Protein backbone atom coordinates (compact mmCIF):
# COMPACT_ATOMS: atom_id res chain seq x y z
CA MET A 1 -11.92 18.88 -12.35
CA GLU A 2 -10.17 15.92 -13.95
CA ASN A 3 -8.15 13.54 -11.73
CA ILE A 4 -9.80 14.89 -8.56
CA ILE A 5 -12.25 13.01 -6.36
CA GLN A 6 -14.08 14.01 -3.20
CA VAL A 7 -14.01 12.06 0.04
CA THR A 8 -15.71 12.86 3.33
CA VAL A 9 -13.87 12.45 6.60
CA ILE A 10 -15.60 12.74 9.97
CA ASP A 11 -13.05 13.68 12.61
CA ARG A 12 -13.00 12.55 16.26
CA ASP A 13 -15.15 15.57 17.23
CA ASP A 14 -17.83 14.46 14.72
CA GLN A 15 -17.03 17.36 12.38
CA GLU A 16 -17.48 16.49 8.71
CA HIS A 17 -14.76 17.51 6.23
CA ILE A 18 -15.21 17.23 2.46
CA LEU A 19 -11.77 16.81 0.96
CA GLU A 20 -10.56 16.87 -2.61
CA ALA A 21 -7.97 14.27 -3.48
CA PRO A 22 -5.90 13.78 -6.65
CA THR A 23 -6.09 10.37 -8.32
CA ASP A 24 -2.87 10.86 -10.28
CA MET A 25 -0.38 11.25 -7.40
CA ALA A 26 -0.40 7.71 -5.90
CA MET A 27 -1.72 9.03 -2.57
CA ASN A 28 -3.69 7.19 0.09
CA MET A 29 -6.34 8.30 2.60
CA MET A 30 -3.80 8.81 5.38
CA GLU A 31 -1.78 11.20 3.21
CA VAL A 32 -4.86 13.12 2.12
CA CYS A 33 -6.01 13.52 5.73
CA LYS A 34 -2.54 14.72 6.74
CA SER A 35 -2.44 17.20 3.86
CA TYR A 36 -5.64 18.75 5.24
CA GLU A 37 -4.09 18.74 8.74
CA LEU A 38 -6.64 16.30 10.15
CA PRO A 39 -5.46 14.37 13.24
CA VAL A 40 -4.06 11.32 11.47
CA GLU A 41 -0.52 10.52 12.50
CA GLY A 42 0.76 7.98 10.02
CA THR A 43 3.67 7.31 12.35
CA CYS A 44 5.01 4.42 10.26
CA GLY A 45 4.86 6.39 7.02
CA GLY A 46 2.14 4.27 5.44
CA MET A 47 3.64 0.82 5.89
CA ALA A 48 0.66 -0.70 7.81
CA LEU A 49 2.83 -0.95 10.92
CA CYS A 50 1.21 1.38 13.47
CA ALA A 51 -2.60 1.78 13.06
CA SER A 52 -2.38 5.53 13.76
CA CYS A 53 -4.45 6.07 10.59
CA HIS A 54 -7.23 3.67 11.67
CA MET A 55 -10.60 4.69 10.26
CA TYR A 56 -14.09 3.28 9.78
CA ILE A 57 -15.58 2.97 6.30
CA LEU A 58 -19.11 4.44 6.40
CA SER A 59 -20.05 4.31 2.71
CA ASP A 60 -20.79 1.25 0.58
CA HIS A 61 -17.67 1.41 -1.57
CA GLU A 62 -16.04 -1.82 -2.74
CA LEU A 63 -12.49 -1.62 -1.45
CA PRO A 64 -9.73 -4.14 -2.12
CA ASP A 65 -9.44 -6.75 0.62
CA PRO A 66 -7.00 -5.86 3.40
CA SER A 67 -3.51 -7.27 3.04
CA GLU A 68 -2.18 -9.70 5.62
CA ASP A 69 -0.04 -6.88 7.07
CA GLU A 70 -3.11 -4.66 7.44
CA GLU A 71 -5.14 -7.43 9.07
CA ASN A 72 -2.29 -8.17 11.49
CA MET A 73 -2.05 -4.50 12.47
CA LEU A 74 -5.81 -4.19 12.96
CA ASP A 75 -5.68 -7.28 15.20
CA GLN A 76 -3.49 -5.21 17.55
CA ALA A 77 -5.35 -1.90 17.27
CA PHE A 78 -7.90 -0.45 19.69
CA PHE A 79 -11.61 0.02 18.87
CA VAL A 80 -11.58 -2.26 15.81
CA LYS A 81 -14.94 -2.87 14.12
CA GLY A 82 -16.05 -4.83 11.07
CA ASN A 83 -15.62 -1.71 8.90
CA SER A 84 -12.13 -0.84 10.21
CA ARG A 85 -9.36 -0.11 7.73
CA LEU A 86 -5.98 1.59 7.80
CA GLY A 87 -6.09 4.83 5.84
CA CYS A 88 -2.58 4.23 4.51
CA GLN A 89 -3.88 1.15 2.70
CA ILE A 90 -6.77 2.91 0.91
CA LYS A 91 -5.41 4.15 -2.40
CA ILE A 92 -6.90 7.29 -3.92
CA THR A 93 -8.58 6.12 -7.14
CA GLU A 94 -11.68 7.04 -9.14
CA ALA A 95 -13.37 3.98 -7.59
CA ILE A 96 -13.52 5.64 -4.15
CA ASP A 97 -15.02 8.94 -5.29
CA GLY A 98 -17.58 9.85 -2.60
CA LEU A 99 -16.01 7.60 0.06
CA LYS A 100 -17.09 8.47 3.60
CA VAL A 101 -14.97 7.54 6.61
CA LYS A 102 -14.77 8.33 10.31
CA LEU A 103 -11.49 8.56 12.16
CA ALA A 104 -11.24 5.91 14.87
CA PRO A 105 -10.49 6.95 18.45
CA VAL A 106 -6.86 6.70 19.49
CA GLY A 107 -5.64 4.30 22.19
CA GLY A 108 -6.79 5.97 25.41
CA GLU A 109 -9.91 7.85 24.22
């Protein structure tokens, strides 16, 4: 279907979910995960202020560099790795069709 991409999200129980996401609604990965009721909080509403949508990029997609706000938030997050990103900062576009991510553990896990 036109304007729809697929992304794969591995949840914290290692279950793989293949999600369809619209490219014409200005959504981000956090919002897509929430719409499928995956355990992504997005407490700050997508402002890169809470890291509750922290995820690891598993595929080789070229993503825009993180903003200074995103980098600052990741500096304060738990379980950060070299492939860490905030889902709220990953825009749903044709360029990320096939993206594969894993949800990061939350603070005390």
